[in-house]
PDB file of N, CA and C in Angstrom:
ATOM      1  N   MET A   1       7.079  38.163  52.754  1.00  0.00           N
ATOM      2  CA  MET A   1       6.459  39.083  53.419  1.00  0.00           C
ATOM      3  C   MET A   1       5.698  38.926  53.723  1.00  0.00           C
ATOM      4  N   ILE A   2       5.199  39.713  54.944  1.00  0.00           N
ATOM      5  CA  ILE A   2       4.586  40.353  55.954  1.00  0.00           C
ATOM      6  C   ILE A   2       3.695  41.078  55.800  1.00  0.00           C
ATOM      7  N   SER A   3       2.372  41.300  56.533  1.00  0.00           N
ATOM      8  CA  SER A   3       1.189  42.005  56.473  1.00  0.00           C
ATOM      9  C   SER A   3       1.483  42.836  57.776  1.00  0.00           C
ATOM     10  N   ALA A   4       1.380  44.377  57.351  1.00  0.00           N
ATOM     11  CA  ALA A   4       0.771  45.140  58.191  1.00  0.00           C
ATOM     12  C   ALA A   4      -0.382  44.878  59.647  1.00  0.00           C
ATOM     13  N   PRO A   5       0.446  45.189  60.727  1.00  0.00           N
ATOM     14  CA  PRO A   5      -0.985  45.098  61.352  1.00  0.00           C
ATOM     15  C   PRO A   5      -1.704  46.234  61.391  1.00  0.00           C
ATOM     16  N   THR A   6      -2.748  46.393  61.480  1.00  0.00           N
ATOM     17  CA  THR A   6      -3.702  47.658  60.735  1.00  0.00           C
ATOM     18  C   THR A   6      -4.689  48.622  62.545  1.00  0.00           C
ATOM     19  N   LYS A   7      -4.949  49.594  62.540  1.00  0.00           N
ATOM     20  CA  LYS A   7      -5.622  50.120  63.227  1.00  0.00           C
ATOM     21  C   LYS A   7      -7.372  50.021  63.352  1.00  0.00           C
ATOM     22  N   ILE A   8      -8.327  49.666  63.964  1.00  0.00           N
ATOM     23  CA  ILE A   8      -9.569  50.061  64.234  1.00  0.00           C
ATOM     24  C   ILE A   8     -10.008  50.602  62.621  1.00  0.00           C
ATOM     25  N   GLY A   9     -10.547  50.635  61.176  1.00  0.00           N
ATOM     26  CA  GLY A   9     -10.886  51.210  60.622  1.00  0.00           C
ATOM     27  C   GLY A   9     -10.265  51.618  59.506  1.00  0.00           C
ATOM     28  N   GLU A  10      -8.769  50.709  59.566  1.00  0.00           N
ATOM     29  CA  GLU A  10      -8.012  51.289  58.422  1.00  0.00           C
ATOM     30  C   GLU A  10      -7.854  49.709  57.394  1.00  0.00           C
ATOM     31  N   LYS A  11      -7.176  50.283  56.431  1.00  0.00           N
ATOM     32  CA  LYS A  11      -7.184  49.270  55.483  1.00  0.00           C
ATOM     33  C   LYS A  11      -6.340  48.392  55.368  1.00  0.00           C
ATOM     34  N   GLN A  12      -6.502  46.918  55.940  1.00  0.00           N
ATOM     35  CA  GLN A  12      -4.907  46.130  55.664  1.00  0.00           C
ATOM     36  C   GLN A  12      -3.668  45.882  54.400  1.00  0.00           C
ATOM     37  N   GLN A  13      -2.982  45.673  55.089  1.00  0.00           N
ATOM     38  CA  GLN A  13      -2.115  46.051  53.772  1.00  0.00           C
ATOM     39  C   GLN A  13      -1.778  44.149  52.793  1.00  0.00           C
ATOM     40  N   SER A  14      -2.196  44.249  51.833  1.00  0.00           N
ATOM     41  CA  SER A  14      -1.450  43.539  51.309  1.00  0.00           C
ATOM     42  C   SER A  14      -0.155  43.205  51.678  1.00  0.00           C
ATOM     43  N   PRO A  15       0.587  41.447  51.100  1.00  0.00           N
ATOM     44  CA  PRO A  15       1.648  41.257  51.534  1.00  0.00           C
ATOM     45  C   PRO A  15       2.071  41.495  50.707  1.00  0.00           C
ATOM     46  N   THR A  16       2.135  42.606  49.577  1.00  0.00           N
ATOM     47  CA  THR A  16       2.723  42.652  48.035  1.00  0.00           C
ATOM     48  C   THR A  16       3.116  44.010  48.459  1.00  0.00           C
ATOM     49  N   ASP A  17       2.372  44.644  49.392  1.00  0.00           N
ATOM     50  CA  ASP A  17       2.902  46.368  49.705  1.00  0.00           C
ATOM     51  C   ASP A  17       4.006  46.463  50.657  1.00  0.00           C
ATOM     52  N   LEU A  18       4.600  45.170  51.063  1.00  0.00           N
ATOM     53  CA  LEU A  18       5.909  45.558  52.143  1.00  0.00           C
ATOM     54  C   LEU A  18       6.543  44.366  51.562  1.00  0.00           C
ATOM     55  N   VAL A  19       8.317  45.263  51.559  1.00  0.00           N
ATOM     56  CA  VAL A  19       8.815  44.755  50.863  1.00  0.00           C
ATOM     57  C   VAL A  19      10.713  44.583  51.853  1.00  0.00           C
ATOM     58  N   GLU A  20      10.815  43.668  51.524  1.00  0.00           N
ATOM     59  CA  GLU A  20      11.903  43.230  53.211  1.00  0.00           C
ATOM     60  C   GLU A  20      12.572  44.344  52.264  1.00  0.00           C
ATOM     61  N   ILE A  21      13.786  45.436  53.354  1.00  0.00           N
ATOM     62  CA  ILE A  21      14.946  45.896  52.857  1.00  0.00           C
ATOM     63  C   ILE A  21      15.808  44.605  53.598  1.00  0.00           C
ATOM     64  N   TYR A  22      15.686  44.296  54.982  1.00  0.00           N
ATOM     65  CA  TYR A  22      17.077  44.161  55.657  1.00  0.00           C
ATOM     66  C   TYR A  22      16.708  42.797  56.769  1.00  0.00           C
ATOM     67  N   ALA A  23      17.144  41.888  56.996  1.00  0.00           N
ATOM     68  CA  ALA A  23      16.664  41.168  58.228  1.00  0.00           C
ATOM     69  C   ALA A  23      17.799  40.613  58.628  1.00  0.00           C
ATOM     70  N   ASN A  24      17.947  39.928  60.046  1.00  0.00           N
ATOM     71  CA  ASN A  24      18.851  39.307  61.151  1.00  0.00           C
ATOM     72  C   ASN A  24      18.335  38.476  61.937  1.00  0.00           C
ATOM     73  N   ALA A  25      18.329  38.084  62.565  1.00  0.00           N
ATOM     74  CA  ALA A  25      18.197  37.011  63.726  1.00  0.00           C
ATOM     75  C   ALA A  25      17.193  37.913  64.672  1.00  0.00           C
ATOM     76  N   CYS A  26      17.009  39.072  65.169  1.00  0.00           N
ATOM     77  CA  CYS A  26      16.119  40.191  65.675  1.00  0.00           C
ATOM     78  C   CYS A  26      15.074  40.837  65.577  1.00  0.00           C
ATOM     79  N   GLY A  27      15.491  40.906  63.906  1.00  0.00           N
ATOM     80  CA  GLY A  27      14.040  41.519  63.465  1.00  0.00           C
ATOM     81  C   GLY A  27      14.277  41.434  61.592  1.00  0.00           C
ATOM     82  N   ALA A  28      13.516  42.799  61.375  1.00  0.00           N
ATOM     83  CA  ALA A  28      13.748  43.427  59.941  1.00  0.00           C
ATOM     84  C   ALA A  28      13.296  44.013  59.291  1.00  0.00           C
ATOM     85  N   VAL A  29      13.523  45.120  58.406  1.00  0.00           N
ATOM     86  CA  VAL A  29      13.230  46.282  58.417  1.00  0.00           C
ATOM     87  C   VAL A  29      12.425  45.959  56.495  1.00  0.00           C
ATOM     88  N   TYR A  30      10.997  46.767  57.171  1.00  0.00           N
ATOM     89  CA  TYR A  30      10.329  46.760  55.488  1.00  0.00           C
ATOM     90  C   TYR A  30       9.864  47.409  55.216  1.00  0.00           C
ATOM     91  N   GLN A  31       9.297  47.865  53.521  1.00  0.00           N
ATOM     92  CA  GLN A  31       9.228  49.300  53.192  1.00  0.00           C
ATOM     93  C   GLN A  31       8.064  48.921  52.802  1.00  0.00           C
ATOM     94  N   CYS A  32       7.080  49.883  52.728  1.00  0.00           N
ATOM     95  CA  CYS A  32       6.043  49.916  52.472  1.00  0.00           C
ATOM     96  C   CYS A  32       5.641  51.593  51.022  1.00  0.00           C
ATOM     97  N   ASP A  33       5.904  51.228  49.745  1.00  0.00           N
ATOM     98  CA  ASP A  33       5.872  52.046  49.134  1.00  0.00           C
ATOM     99  C   ASP A  33       4.787  52.456  48.889  1.00  0.00           C
ATOM    100  N   ARG A  34       3.473  52.081  49.531  1.00  0.00           N
ATOM    101  CA  ARG A  34       2.219  53.447  48.999  1.00  0.00           C
ATOM    102  C   ARG A  34       2.096  54.269  49.716  1.00  0.00           C
ATOM    103  N   LYS A  35       2.996  53.814  51.188  1.00  0.00           N
ATOM    104  CA  LYS A  35       2.459  55.017  52.296  1.00  0.00           C
ATOM    105  C   LYS A  35       3.703  55.933  52.379  1.00  0.00           C
ATOM    106  N   ASN A  36       5.009  55.273  51.535  1.00  0.00           N
ATOM    107  CA  ASN A  36       5.824  55.985  51.417  1.00  0.00           C
ATOM    108  C   ASN A  36       6.926  55.762  53.160  1.00  0.00           C
ATOM    109  N   ARG A  37       6.250  54.455  53.456  1.00  0.00           N
ATOM    110  CA  ARG A  37       6.816  54.197  55.265  1.00  0.00           C
ATOM    111  C   ARG A  37       8.173  52.978  55.111  1.00  0.00           C
ATOM    112  N   LEU A  38       8.827  53.090  56.720  1.00  0.00           N
ATOM    113  CA  LEU A  38       9.698  52.080  56.887  1.00  0.00           C
ATOM    114  C   LEU A  38       8.851  51.455  58.026  1.00  0.00           C
ATOM    115  N   MET A  39       9.150  49.845  58.018  1.00  0.00           N
ATOM    116  CA  MET A  39       9.019  49.234  59.493  1.00  0.00           C
ATOM    117  C   MET A  39       9.991  48.750  60.258  1.00  0.00           C
ATOM    118  N   VAL A  40       9.774  48.911  60.979  1.00  0.00           N
ATOM    119  CA  VAL A  40      10.922  48.532  61.304  1.00  0.00           C
ATOM    120  C   VAL A  40      10.288  47.273  62.248  1.00  0.00           C
ATOM    121  N   ASN A  41      10.392  46.103  62.209  1.00  0.00           N
ATOM    122  CA  ASN A  41      10.455  44.901  63.290  1.00  0.00           C
ATOM    123  C   ASN A  41      11.081  44.108  63.975  1.00  0.00           C
ATOM    124  N   PHE A  42      11.601  44.898  65.384  1.00  0.00           N
ATOM    125  CA  PHE A  42      12.670  44.036  66.358  1.00  0.00           C
ATOM    126  C   PHE A  42      12.189  43.496  67.314  1.00  0.00           C
ATOM    127  N   ASP A  43      12.807  42.483  67.875  1.00  0.00           N
ATOM    128  CA  ASP A  43      11.727  41.545  68.571  1.00  0.00           C
ATOM    129  C   ASP A  43      10.431  41.086  68.976  1.00  0.00           C
ATOM    130  N   GLY A  44       9.565  41.333  67.975  1.00  0.00           N
ATOM    131  CA  GLY A  44       8.626  40.782  67.919  1.00  0.00           C
ATOM    132  C   GLY A  44       7.462  41.944  67.998  1.00  0.00           C
ATOM    133  N   THR A  45       8.292  43.618  68.086  1.00  0.00           N
ATOM    134  CA  THR A  45       7.029  44.528  68.365  1.00  0.00           C
ATOM    135  C   THR A  45       7.595  45.690  66.514  1.00  0.00           C
ATOM    136  N   PHE A  46       6.630  46.200  65.899  1.00  0.00           N
ATOM    137  CA  PHE A  46       6.051  46.794  64.955  1.00  0.00           C
ATOM    138  C   PHE A  46       6.751  48.238  65.226  1.00  0.00           C
ATOM    139  N   SER A  47       7.400  48.971  64.282  1.00  0.00           N
ATOM    140  CA  SER A  47       7.154  50.198  64.720  1.00  0.00           C
ATOM    141  C   SER A  47       7.633  51.008  63.119  1.00  0.00           C
ATOM    142  N   VAL A  48       6.572  52.274  62.970  1.00  0.00           N
ATOM    143  CA  VAL A  48       6.393  52.257  61.492  1.00  0.00           C
ATOM    144  C   VAL A  48       6.634  53.999  61.542  1.00  0.00           C
ATOM    145  N   LEU A  49       7.971  54.571  60.803  1.00  0.00           N
ATOM    146  CA  LEU A  49       8.603  55.408  60.562  1.00  0.00           C
ATOM    147  C   LEU A  49       8.810  56.277  59.306  1.00  0.00           C
ATOM    148  N   LYS A  50       8.322  57.202  59.224  1.00  0.00           N
ATOM    149  CA  LYS A  50       8.953  58.100  58.169  1.00  0.00           C
ATOM    150  C   LYS A  50      10.613  57.898  58.220  1.00  0.00           C
ATOM    151  N   VAL A  51      10.606  57.958  56.888  1.00  0.00           N
ATOM    152  CA  VAL A  51      12.621  57.853  56.109  1.00  0.00           C
ATOM    153  C   VAL A  51      13.242  58.274  56.888  1.00  0.00           C
ATOM    154  N   ASP A  52      12.909  60.338  57.437  1.00  0.00           N
ATOM    155  CA  ASP A  52      13.476  60.937  58.203  1.00  0.00           C
ATOM    156  C   ASP A  52      13.604  60.533  60.282  1.00  0.00           C
ATOM    157  N   ALA A  53      12.290  59.762  59.988  1.00  0.00           N
ATOM    158  CA  ALA A  53      12.582  58.863  61.301  1.00  0.00           C
ATOM    159  C   ALA A  53      13.246  57.774  61.727  1.00  0.00           C
ATOM    160  N   PHE A  54      13.481  56.898  60.682  1.00  0.00           N
ATOM    161  CA  PHE A  54      14.139  55.667  60.743  1.00  0.00           C
ATOM    162  C   PHE A  54      15.779  56.751  60.715  1.00  0.00           C
ATOM    163  N   LEU A  55      15.801  57.338  60.230  1.00  0.00           N
ATOM    164  CA  LEU A  55      17.593  58.170  60.056  1.00  0.00           C
ATOM    165  C   LEU A  55      17.952  58.642  61.142  1.00  0.00           C
ATOM    166  N   ARG A  56      17.183  59.631  62.124  1.00  0.00           N
ATOM    167  CA  ARG A  56      17.276  60.094  63.148  1.00  0.00           C
ATOM    168  C   ARG A  56      16.973  58.401  64.497  1.00  0.00           C
ATOM    169  N   LEU A  57      16.726  57.395  64.506  1.00  0.00           N
ATOM    170  CA  LEU A  57      16.163  56.291  65.356  1.00  0.00           C
ATOM    171  C   LEU A  57      18.352  55.719  65.078  1.00  0.00           C
ATOM    172  N   LYS A  58      18.576  55.510  63.644  1.00  0.00           N
ATOM    173  CA  LYS A  58      19.417  55.401  63.635  1.00  0.00           C
ATOM    174  C   LYS A  58      21.183  55.852  63.877  1.00  0.00           C
ATOM    175  N   HIS A  59      20.493  57.167  63.753  1.00  0.00           N
ATOM    176  CA  HIS A  59      21.764  58.448  64.235  1.00  0.00           C
ATOM    177  C   HIS A  59      21.560  57.887  65.832  1.00  0.00           C
ATOM    178  N   ALA A  60      20.497  57.588  66.961  1.00  0.00           N
ATOM    179  CA  ALA A  60      20.643  57.583  68.298  1.00  0.00           C
ATOM    180  C   ALA A  60      20.973  56.409  68.362  1.00  0.00           C
ATOM    181  N   VAL A  61      20.446  55.680  67.972  1.00  0.00           N
ATOM    182  CA  VAL A  61      21.006  54.392  68.201  1.00  0.00           C
ATOM    183  C   VAL A  61      22.447  54.190  68.064  1.00  0.00           C
ATOM    184  N   ASP A  62      23.104  54.624  66.661  1.00  0.00           N
ATOM    185  CA  ASP A  62      25.197  54.676  66.527  1.00  0.00           C
ATOM    186  C   ASP A  62      25.620  55.863  67.681  1.00  0.00           C
ATOM    187  N   SER A  63      24.509  56.698  68.413  1.00  0.00           N
ATOM    188  CA  SER A  63      25.628  57.737  68.913  1.00  0.00           C
ATOM    189  C   SER A  63      26.003  57.283  70.194  1.00  0.00           C
ATOM    190  N   ILE A  64      25.554  55.928  70.510  1.00  0.00           N
ATOM    191  CA  ILE A  64      25.807  54.938  72.138  1.00  0.00           C
ATOM    192  C   ILE A  64      26.646  54.494  71.961  1.00  0.00           C
ATOM    193  N   ASP A  65      27.718  54.828  72.874  1.00  0.00           N
ATOM    194  CA  ASP A  65      28.870  54.195  73.067  1.00  0.00           C
ATOM    195  C   ASP A  65      28.243  52.699  73.842  1.00  0.00           C
ATOM    196  N   LEU A  66      28.799  51.765  72.794  1.00  0.00           N
ATOM    197  CA  LEU A  66      28.806  49.891  73.358  1.00  0.00           C
ATOM    198  C   LEU A  66      29.732  50.140  74.527  1.00  0.00           C
ATOM    199  N   GLU A  67      31.094  50.258  73.778  1.00  0.00           N
ATOM    200  CA  GLU A  67      31.976  49.884  74.909  1.00  0.00           C
ATOM    201  C   GLU A  67      32.076  50.329  76.168  1.00  0.00           C
ATOM    202  N   THR A  68      31.699  51.931  76.381  1.00  0.00           N
ATOM    203  CA  THR A  68      31.342  52.525  77.871  1.00  0.00           C
ATOM    204  C   THR A  68      30.324  51.884  78.664  1.00  0.00           C
ATOM    205  N   MET A  69      29.201  51.707  77.934  1.00  0.00           N
ATOM    206  CA  MET A  69      28.408  50.208  78.393  1.00  0.00           C
ATOM    207  C   MET A  69      28.620  49.535  78.697  1.00  0.00           C
ATOM    208  N   ALA A  70      29.724  48.342  78.344  1.00  0.00           N
ATOM    209  CA  ALA A  70      29.759  47.282  78.772  1.00  0.00           C
ATOM    210  C   ALA A  70      31.103  47.480  79.646  1.00  0.00           C
ATOM    211  N   ALA A  71      32.214  48.571  79.909  1.00  0.00           N
ATOM    212  CA  ALA A  71      32.686  48.877  80.758  1.00  0.00           C
ATOM    213  C   ALA A  71      32.228  49.289  82.524  1.00  0.00           C
ATOM    214  N   SER A  72      31.446  49.845  82.322  1.00  0.00           N
ATOM    215  CA  SER A  72      31.270  50.016  83.206  1.00  0.00           C
ATOM    216  C   SER A  72      30.369  49.865  84.632  1.00  0.00           C
ATOM    217  N   THR A  73      30.647  49.504  85.448  1.00  0.00           N
ATOM    218  CA  THR A  73      29.577  48.389  86.905  1.00  0.00           C
ATOM    219  C   THR A  73      28.321  49.049  87.105  1.00  0.00           C
ATOM    220  N   SER A  74      27.820  50.240  87.025  1.00  0.00           N
ATOM    221  CA  SER A  74      26.671  50.885  87.121  1.00  0.00           C
ATOM    222  C   SER A  74      25.701  50.374  86.812  1.00  0.00           C
ATOM    223  N   ARG A  75      24.682  50.385  87.668  1.00  0.00           N
ATOM    224  CA  ARG A  75      23.101  49.579  87.459  1.00  0.00           C
ATOM    225  C   ARG A  75      22.457  49.792  86.568  1.00  0.00           C
ATOM    226  N   SER A  76      22.662  51.277  86.310  1.00  0.00           N
ATOM    227  CA  SER A  76      21.849  52.365  85.550  1.00  0.00           C
ATOM    228  C   SER A  76      22.860  52.388  84.024  1.00  0.00           C
ATOM    229  N   SER A  77      24.496  51.488  83.676  1.00  0.00           N
ATOM    230  CA  SER A  77      24.465  51.522  82.600  1.00  0.00           C
ATOM    231  C   SER A  77      24.112  50.381  82.203  1.00  0.00           C
ATOM    232  N   ASP A  78      23.003  49.175  82.409  1.00  0.00           N
ATOM    233  CA  ASP A  78      22.630  47.993  81.672  1.00  0.00           C
ATOM    234  C   ASP A  78      21.637  48.225  80.798  1.00  0.00           C
ATOM    235  N   PHE A  79      21.139  49.116  80.943  1.00  0.00           N
ATOM    236  CA  PHE A  79      20.567  49.345  79.522  1.00  0.00           C
ATOM    237  C   PHE A  79      20.498  50.744  79.630  1.00  0.00           C
ATOM    238  N   GLU A  80      19.507  50.996  77.824  1.00  0.00           N
ATOM    239  CA  GLU A  80      19.423  52.455  77.213  1.00  0.00           C
ATOM    240  C   GLU A  80      17.836  52.493  76.736  1.00  0.00           C
ATOM    241  N   ILE A  81      17.455  54.266  77.342  1.00  0.00           N
ATOM    242  CA  ILE A  81      16.058  53.840  76.561  1.00  0.00           C
ATOM    243  C   ILE A  81      16.606  54.839  75.618  1.00  0.00           C
ATOM    244  N   VAL A  82      15.931  54.922  74.865  1.00  0.00           N
ATOM    245  CA  VAL A  82      15.863  55.457  72.816  1.00  0.00           C
ATOM    246  C   VAL A  82      14.846  55.616  72.603  1.00  0.00           C
ATOM    247  N   SER A  83      14.573  57.045  72.354  1.00  0.00           N
ATOM    248  CA  SER A  83      13.097  57.893  71.868  1.00  0.00           C
ATOM    249  C   SER A  83      13.738  58.634  70.895  1.00  0.00           C
ATOM    250  N   VAL A  84      12.463  58.506  69.621  1.00  0.00           N
ATOM    251  CA  VAL A  84      13.039  60.095  68.751  1.00  0.00           C
ATOM    252  C   VAL A  84      12.037  60.349  68.270  1.00  0.00           C
ATOM    253  N   CYS A  85      11.643  61.307  67.774  1.00  0.00           N
ATOM    254  CA  CYS A  85      10.573  61.886  67.234  1.00  0.00           C
ATOM    255  C   CYS A  85      10.327  61.274  66.246  1.00  0.00           C
ATOM    256  N   GLY A  86       8.943  61.687  65.879  1.00  0.00           N
ATOM    257  CA  GLY A  86       8.262  60.506  64.821  1.00  0.00           C
ATOM    258  C   GLY A  86       8.307  59.130  65.365  1.00  0.00           C
ATOM    259  N   CYS A  87       8.684  58.627  65.894  1.00  0.00           N
ATOM    260  CA  CYS A  87       8.785  56.976  66.256  1.00  0.00           C
ATOM    261  C   CYS A  87       7.882  57.114  67.231  1.00  0.00           C
ATOM    262  N   ASP A  88       6.684  56.064  67.199  1.00  0.00           N
ATOM    263  CA  ASP A  88       5.835  55.576  68.281  1.00  0.00           C
ATOM    264  C   ASP A  88       6.091  54.303  68.855  1.00  0.00           C
ATOM    265  N   ARG A  89       7.200  54.562  68.812  1.00  0.00           N
ATOM    266  CA  ARG A  89       8.074  53.456  70.192  1.00  0.00           C
ATOM    267  C   ARG A  89       9.013  53.827  71.265  1.00  0.00           C
ATOM    268  N   CYS A  90       8.990  53.482  72.250  1.00  0.00           N
ATOM    269  CA  CYS A  90       9.987  53.786  72.824  1.00  0.00           C
ATOM    270  C   CYS A  90      11.003  52.785  73.557  1.00  0.00           C
ATOM    271  N   TYR A  91      12.060  53.058  72.880  1.00  0.00           N
ATOM    272  CA  TYR A  91      12.678  51.510  73.008  1.00  0.00           C
ATOM    273  C   TYR A  91      13.762  51.755  74.487  1.00  0.00           C
ATOM    274  N   VAL A  92      13.306  50.420  75.091  1.00  0.00           N
ATOM    275  CA  VAL A  92      14.790  50.152  76.598  1.00  0.00           C
ATOM    276  C   VAL A  92      15.489  49.003  76.297  1.00  0.00           C
ATOM    277  N   LEU A  93      16.726  49.437  76.004  1.00  0.00           N
ATOM    278  CA  LEU A  93      17.548  47.803  75.332  1.00  0.00           C
ATOM    279  C   LEU A  93      18.350  48.000  76.169  1.00  0.00           C
ATOM    280  N   THR A  94      19.473  46.369  76.588  1.00  0.00           N
ATOM    281  CA  THR A  94      20.425  45.560  76.750  1.00  0.00           C
ATOM    282  C   THR A  94      20.915  46.043  76.070  1.00  0.00           C
ATOM    283  N   LEU A  95      22.328  45.804  76.204  1.00  0.00           N
ATOM    284  CA  LEU A  95      23.612  45.598  75.701  1.00  0.00           C
ATOM    285  C   LEU A  95      23.899  45.377  74.365  1.00  0.00           C
ATOM    286  N   THR A  96      23.072  43.696  74.518  1.00  0.00           N
ATOM    287  CA  THR A  96      23.128  42.946  73.540  1.00  0.00           C
ATOM    288  C   THR A  96      22.165  42.983  72.685  1.00  0.00           C
ATOM    289  N   GLU A  97      20.823  44.121  73.278  1.00  0.00           N
ATOM    290  CA  GLU A  97      19.875  44.305  72.176  1.00  0.00           C
ATOM    291  C   GLU A  97      20.560  45.541  71.257  1.00  0.00           C
ATOM    292  N   LEU A  98      20.852  46.345  71.743  1.00  0.00           N
ATOM    293  CA  LEU A  98      21.453  47.517  71.304  1.00  0.00           C
ATOM    294  C   LEU A  98      22.375  46.886  70.058  1.00  0.00           C
ATOM    295  N   SER A  99      23.482  46.195  70.621  1.00  0.00           N
ATOM    296  CA  SER A  99      23.910  45.724  69.877  1.00  0.00           C
ATOM    297  C   SER A  99      23.324  45.152  68.314  1.00  0.00           C
ATOM    298  N   THR A 100      22.415  44.172  68.168  1.00  0.00           N
ATOM    299  CA  THR A 100      21.669  44.082  67.203  1.00  0.00           C
ATOM    300  C   THR A 100      21.127  44.804  66.663  1.00  0.00           C
ATOM    301  N   PHE A 101      20.157  45.822  67.446  1.00  0.00           N
ATOM    302  CA  PHE A 101      19.652  46.752  66.479  1.00  0.00           C
ATOM    303  C   PHE A 101      20.665  47.881  66.054  1.00  0.00           C
ATOM    304  N   GLN A 102      21.801  48.114  66.324  1.00  0.00           N
ATOM    305  CA  GLN A 102      22.863  48.708  65.643  1.00  0.00           C
ATOM    306  C   GLN A 102      22.866  47.807  63.824  1.00  0.00           C
ATOM    307  N   GLU A 103      22.983  46.623  64.448  1.00  0.00           N
ATOM    308  CA  GLU A 103      23.349  45.941  63.336  1.00  0.00           C
ATOM    309  C   GLU A 103      22.136  45.497  62.393  1.00  0.00           C
ATOM    310  N   LEU A 104      20.991  46.058  62.898  1.00  0.00           N
ATOM    311  CA  LEU A 104      19.514  46.103  61.534  1.00  0.00           C
ATOM    312  C   LEU A 104      19.263  47.159  61.362  1.00  0.00           C
ATOM    313  N   LEU A 105      19.423  48.414  62.130  1.00  0.00           N
ATOM    314  CA  LEU A 105      19.257  49.088  60.875  1.00  0.00           C
ATOM    315  C   LEU A 105      20.621  49.907  60.237  1.00  0.00           C
ATOM    316  N   ALA A 106      22.027  49.591  61.117  1.00  0.00           N
ATOM    317  CA  ALA A 106      22.612  50.094  59.776  1.00  0.00           C
ATOM    318  C   ALA A 106      22.183  48.948  58.174  1.00  0.00           C
ATOM    319  N   GLY A 107      22.105  48.175  58.397  1.00  0.00           N
ATOM    320  CA  GLY A 107      22.185  47.184  58.022  1.00  0.00           C
ATOM    321  C   GLY A 107      21.218  47.429  56.417  1.00  0.00           C
ATOM    322  N   ALA A 108      19.676  48.163  57.060  1.00  0.00           N
ATOM    323  CA  ALA A 108      18.755  48.447  56.140  1.00  0.00           C
ATOM    324  C   ALA A 108      19.121  49.778  55.898  1.00  0.00           C
ATOM    325  N   ARG A 109      20.219  50.558  56.463  1.00  0.00           N
ATOM    326  CA  ARG A 109      20.206  51.658  55.403  1.00  0.00           C
ATOM    327  C   ARG A 109      21.429  51.540  54.543  1.00  0.00           C
ATOM    328  N   PHE A 110      22.294  50.851  54.766  1.00  0.00           N
ATOM    329  CA  PHE A 110      23.048  50.242  53.638  1.00  0.00           C
ATOM    330  C   PHE A 110      22.145  49.737  52.410  1.00  0.00           C
ATOM    331  N   SER A 111      21.355  49.015  52.719  1.00  0.00           N
ATOM    332  CA  SER A 111      20.829  48.469  51.568  1.00  0.00           C
ATOM    333  C   SER A 111      19.789  49.446  51.185  1.00  0.00           C
ATOM    334  N   MET A 112      19.249  50.249  51.187  1.00  0.00           N
ATOM    335  CA  MET A 112      18.610  51.914  51.051  1.00  0.00           C
ATOM    336  C   MET A 112      19.593  52.298  50.347  1.00  0.00           C
ATOM    337  N   GLU A 113      20.988  52.747  50.630  1.00  0.00           N
ATOM    338  CA  GLU A 113      21.649  53.160  49.994  1.00  0.00           C
ATOM    339  C   GLU A 113      21.670  52.821  48.829  1.00  0.00           C
ATOM    340  N   LEU A 114      22.371  51.721  48.743  1.00  0.00           N
ATOM    341  CA  LEU A 114      22.657  50.422  47.740  1.00  0.00           C
ATOM    342  C   LEU A 114      21.340  50.745  46.404  1.00  0.00           C
ATOM    343  N   ASN A 115      20.612  50.805  46.965  1.00  0.00           N
ATOM    344  CA  ASN A 115      19.116  50.271  45.802  1.00  0.00           C
ATOM    345  C   ASN A 115      19.012  51.526  45.346  1.00  0.00           C
ATOM    346  N   SER A 116      19.058  52.558  46.468  1.00  0.00           N
ATOM    347  CA  SER A 116      18.811  54.406  45.445  1.00  0.00           C
ATOM    348  C   SER A 116      20.170  54.589  44.764  1.00  0.00           C
ATOM    349  N   MET A 117      21.237  53.680  44.429  1.00  0.00           N
ATOM    350  CA  MET A 117      22.747  54.378  43.795  1.00  0.00           C
ATOM    351  C   MET A 117      22.271  52.949  42.292  1.00  0.00           C
ATOM    352  N   LEU A 118      21.525  51.921  42.767  1.00  0.00           N
ATOM    353  CA  LEU A 118      21.445  51.000  41.950  1.00  0.00           C
ATOM    354  C   LEU A 118      20.505  51.374  40.852  1.00  0.00           C
ATOM    355  N   HIS A 119      19.269  52.485  41.361  1.00  0.00           N
ATOM    356  CA  HIS A 119      18.666  53.333  40.815  1.00  0.00           C
ATOM    357  C   HIS A 119      18.840  53.879  39.805  1.00  0.00           C
ATOM    358  N   GLU A 120      19.948  54.478  40.555  1.00  0.00           N
ATOM    359  CA  GLU A 120      20.302  55.811  39.472  1.00  0.00           C
ATOM    360  C   GLU A 120      21.230  55.478  38.616  1.00  0.00           C
ATOM    361  N   CYS A 121      21.953  54.716  38.504  1.00  0.00           N
ATOM    362  CA  CYS A 121      22.866  53.868  37.289  1.00  0.00           C
ATOM    363  C   CYS A 121      22.406  53.484  36.426  1.00  0.00           C
ATOM    364  N   LEU A 122      21.105  52.691  36.860  1.00  0.00           N
ATOM    365  CA  LEU A 122      19.792  52.301  35.984  1.00  0.00           C
ATOM    366  C   LEU A 122      19.272  52.848  35.251  1.00  0.00           C
ATOM    367  N   GLN A 123      18.792  54.450  35.483  1.00  0.00           N
ATOM    368  CA  GLN A 123      17.975  55.070  34.929  1.00  0.00           C
ATOM    369  C   GLN A 123      18.683  55.910  33.874  1.00  0.00           C
ATOM    370  N   PRO A 124      17.824  55.461  32.710  1.00  0.00           N
ATOM    371  CA  PRO A 124      18.514  56.651  31.399  1.00  0.00           C
ATOM    372  C   PRO A 124      19.067  58.111  31.546  1.00  0.00           C
ATOM    373  N   HIS A 125      19.760  58.384  31.205  1.00  0.00           N
ATOM    374  CA  HIS A 125      20.286  59.744  31.586  1.00  0.00           C
ATOM    375  C   HIS A 125      19.141  60.768  30.740  1.00  0.00           C
ATOM    376  N   MET A 126      18.369  61.595  31.381  1.00  0.00           N
ATOM    377  CA  MET A 126      17.394  62.962  30.954  1.00  0.00           C
ATOM    378  C   MET A 126      17.914  64.004  29.956  1.00  0.00           C
ATOM    379  N   ALA A 127      17.954  64.250  28.433  1.00  0.00           N
ATOM    380  CA  ALA A 127      18.960  64.977  27.740  1.00  0.00           C
ATOM    381  C   ALA A 127      18.116  65.900  27.946  1.00  0.00           C
TER     382      ALA A 127
END
C-alpha cells in the first residue's frame, strides 16, 4: 500500500487508508474509504478523484478512437488532451499512454463493480 501525498497542514493518511483496486505496468488505482475518494497513480503522478469524476474520466478516455488516432498522419493526432470536471489534472497522452490508461481505468472499474456485486451477494437479506 502507499501513503497519499499531502498538502501543508493536511493530516497524512496512513498506508492502511488506501486499498489498491487495480494496477498495471503504468500505474495503479487506490481507494480511500476514509475520504470516499479514488487515487489514480498514472505515470508517477497522483490524481485524487470522487467516484463520479473517475467515471467521467473513464468515459472521456474511452471515447477517444485509438484506431483513427493511429491511422492519422496529422501531427495533431500524435497526442490527446483529456480534462474532466472534478479532476485536478489535465492529461496530455500519446497513443501508447492512452492505451495503457484505458486499460488501467477499465481494470479499476471492473474491480469496483465486482467488489460491489460480491458485497451485495454476501450481505444477508433484510426482511
